[in-house]
Amino acid sequence: MKFKGFYDVLRENLDMYRGDYELIVDYAPDIFKLLSDLLNDKRIKARTRIMICAALGYFVAPYDILPEEIYGPQGYIDDIYLSSLILKKIAEETGQEILEEYWDGEEDLKKVIMECQKRSKEILGKDTEKILSYVGLENLK
């Protein structure tokens, strides 16, 4: 029996999704992979690693702010919000180049991060504060 990685499970779960939030939800697998790959880079500082681990943990947390079990693919909007916020911080602190090295997506990463951050924040409203509190990153905004 062959086990699937979380990336493959995400890709399978979201490939068939067509809906209002498809534009940002489709990025979830590639963003998850980017964050996972960044952990292998020795240039990533300890504080940044903690933020990355918070985002990765949030992806797999069964009862986060928008649980996928209840909301289906739309349940990844909060994961996208947290991940794009952390990627934006990494770009500011470490440089966009390090993110580009690990990005496997076809679209321009900088635009993806900006679009995901903007759209997910609009959709989530004040729930963004709950998400940051859930992972202990209240000061990240």
Protein backbone atom coordinates (compact mmCIF):
# COMPACT_ATOMS: atom_id res chain seq x y z
CA MET A 1 0.00 0.00 0.00
CA LYS A 2 1.35 3.42 -0.96
CA PHE A 3 0.71 6.37 1.32
CA LYS A 4 -0.01 9.75 -0.16
CA GLY A 5 1.67 12.90 1.02
CA PHE A 6 -0.42 15.79 2.25
CA TYR A 7 0.38 17.75 -0.92
CA ASP A 8 -1.14 14.94 -3.04
CA VAL A 9 -4.22 14.79 -0.81
CA LEU A 10 -4.67 18.56 -1.09
CA ARG A 11 -4.25 18.44 -4.86
CA GLU A 12 -6.84 15.64 -5.17
CA ASN A 13 -9.30 17.40 -2.87
CA LEU A 14 -9.08 20.69 -4.71
CA ASP A 15 -8.58 19.74 -8.36
CA MET A 16 -12.28 19.35 -9.01
CA TYR A 17 -13.41 22.38 -7.01
CA ARG A 18 -15.25 25.00 -9.01
CA GLY A 19 -16.81 27.81 -7.05
CA ASP A 20 -16.65 31.38 -5.84
CA TYR A 21 -13.28 30.98 -4.15
CA GLU A 22 -11.61 28.78 -6.74
CA LEU A 23 -9.19 31.56 -7.70
CA ILE A 24 -7.37 31.42 -4.35
CA VAL A 25 -8.23 27.93 -3.09
CA ASP A 26 -6.49 26.37 -6.10
CA TYR A 27 -3.17 27.75 -4.81
CA ALA A 28 -3.36 25.81 -1.51
CA PRO A 29 -1.30 22.75 -2.59
CA ASP A 30 1.50 24.81 -4.15
CA ILE A 31 1.62 27.16 -1.16
CA PHE A 32 1.75 24.20 1.23
CA LYS A 33 4.63 22.71 -0.76
CA LEU A 34 6.47 26.03 -0.85
CA LEU A 35 6.26 26.36 2.93
CA SER A 36 7.37 22.75 3.41
CA ASP A 37 10.34 23.20 1.09
CA LEU A 38 11.41 26.42 2.84
CA LEU A 39 11.93 24.47 6.06
CA ASN A 40 14.85 22.66 4.38
CA ASP A 41 16.68 25.91 3.67
CA LYS A 42 19.42 26.74 6.17
CA ARG A 43 19.02 30.48 5.46
CA ILE A 44 15.61 30.47 7.17
CA LYS A 45 15.94 31.83 10.71
CA ALA A 46 14.44 30.17 13.79
CA ARG A 47 11.65 32.76 14.22
CA THR A 48 10.66 32.36 10.58
CA ARG A 49 10.68 28.55 10.93
CA ILE A 50 8.20 28.87 13.78
CA MET A 51 5.86 30.92 11.57
CA ILE A 52 6.20 28.37 8.76
CA CYS A 53 5.44 25.51 11.16
CA ALA A 54 2.38 27.41 12.41
CA ALA A 55 1.08 27.70 8.84
CA LEU A 56 1.79 24.04 8.04
CA GLY A 57 0.18 22.94 11.29
CA TYR A 58 -2.85 25.07 10.51
CA PHE A 59 -3.27 23.30 7.17
CA VAL A 60 -3.64 19.95 8.94
CA ALA A 61 -5.54 21.10 12.05
CA PRO A 62 -8.95 19.42 11.84
CA TYR A 63 -10.92 22.09 13.69
CA ASP A 64 -9.43 25.41 12.74
CA ILE A 65 -11.53 28.53 12.14
CA LEU A 66 -13.04 27.18 8.86
CA PRO A 67 -12.83 23.38 9.12
CA GLU A 68 -12.61 21.67 5.72
CA GLU A 69 -14.77 18.86 7.11
CA ILE A 70 -17.64 21.34 7.39
CA TYR A 71 -16.90 23.88 4.64
CA GLY A 72 -15.25 21.64 2.05
CA PRO A 73 -12.78 23.41 -0.26
CA GLN A 74 -13.90 26.80 1.07
CA GLY A 75 -12.42 25.67 4.39
CA TYR A 76 -8.96 26.34 2.93
CA ILE A 77 -9.53 30.10 2.76
CA ASP A 78 -8.26 30.57 6.32
CA ASP A 79 -5.22 28.38 5.57
CA ILE A 80 -4.52 30.51 2.50
CA TYR A 81 -4.84 33.68 4.55
CA LEU A 82 -2.33 32.58 7.19
CA SER A 83 0.11 31.11 4.67
CA SER A 84 0.06 34.13 2.36
CA LEU A 85 0.57 36.46 5.32
CA ILE A 86 3.59 34.44 6.45
CA LEU A 87 4.99 34.30 2.91
CA LYS A 88 4.61 38.06 2.66
CA LYS A 89 6.56 38.47 5.93
CA ILE A 90 9.29 36.12 4.70
CA ALA A 91 9.61 38.12 1.48
CA GLU A 92 9.93 41.34 3.51
CA GLU A 93 12.48 39.93 5.97
CA THR A 94 14.50 37.50 3.86
CA GLY A 95 13.74 38.54 0.30
CA GLN A 96 11.39 37.42 -2.44
CA GLU A 97 14.23 35.52 -4.15
CA ILE A 98 14.29 32.73 -1.56
CA LEU A 99 10.57 32.14 -2.13
CA GLU A 100 11.04 32.10 -5.90
CA GLU A 101 13.71 29.39 -5.58
CA TYR A 102 11.16 26.97 -4.15
CA TRP A 103 8.00 28.05 -6.01
CA ASP A 104 6.67 25.32 -8.32
CA GLY A 105 3.53 27.16 -9.35
CA GLU A 106 3.09 28.51 -12.86
CA GLU A 107 1.85 31.95 -11.86
CA ASP A 108 3.93 34.89 -10.67
CA LEU A 109 4.46 34.20 -6.96
CA LYS A 110 4.43 37.81 -5.86
CA LYS A 111 1.03 38.31 -7.53
CA VAL A 112 -0.26 35.04 -6.05
CA ILE A 113 0.70 36.11 -2.53
CA MET A 114 -0.86 39.57 -2.96
CA GLU A 115 -4.06 38.18 -4.48
CA CYS A 116 -4.43 35.43 -1.86
CA GLN A 117 -3.78 37.88 0.96
CA LYS A 118 -6.24 40.48 -0.36
CA ARG A 119 -9.08 38.11 -1.27
CA SER A 120 -8.85 35.89 1.81
CA LYS A 121 -8.75 38.94 4.10
CA GLU A 122 -11.87 40.36 2.41
CA ILE A 123 -13.70 37.04 2.80
CA LEU A 124 -12.63 36.42 6.40
CA GLY A 125 -13.05 39.93 7.81
CA LYS A 126 -12.53 39.94 11.58
CA ASP A 127 -11.93 36.18 11.62
CA THR A 128 -8.34 36.96 10.60
CA GLU A 129 -7.69 37.92 14.24
CA LYS A 130 -9.05 34.55 15.42
CA ILE A 131 -6.76 32.73 12.99
CA LEU A 132 -3.66 34.54 14.21
CA SER A 133 -4.68 33.95 17.81
CA TYR A 134 -5.28 30.24 17.12
CA VAL A 135 -1.63 29.80 16.08
CA GLY A 136 -0.19 32.25 18.62
CA LEU A 137 0.85 34.87 16.08
CA GLU A 138 -1.36 37.76 17.17
CA ASN A 139 1.41 40.30 16.51
CA LEU A 140 1.99 39.20 12.92
CA LYS A 141 -0.51 41.50 11.18
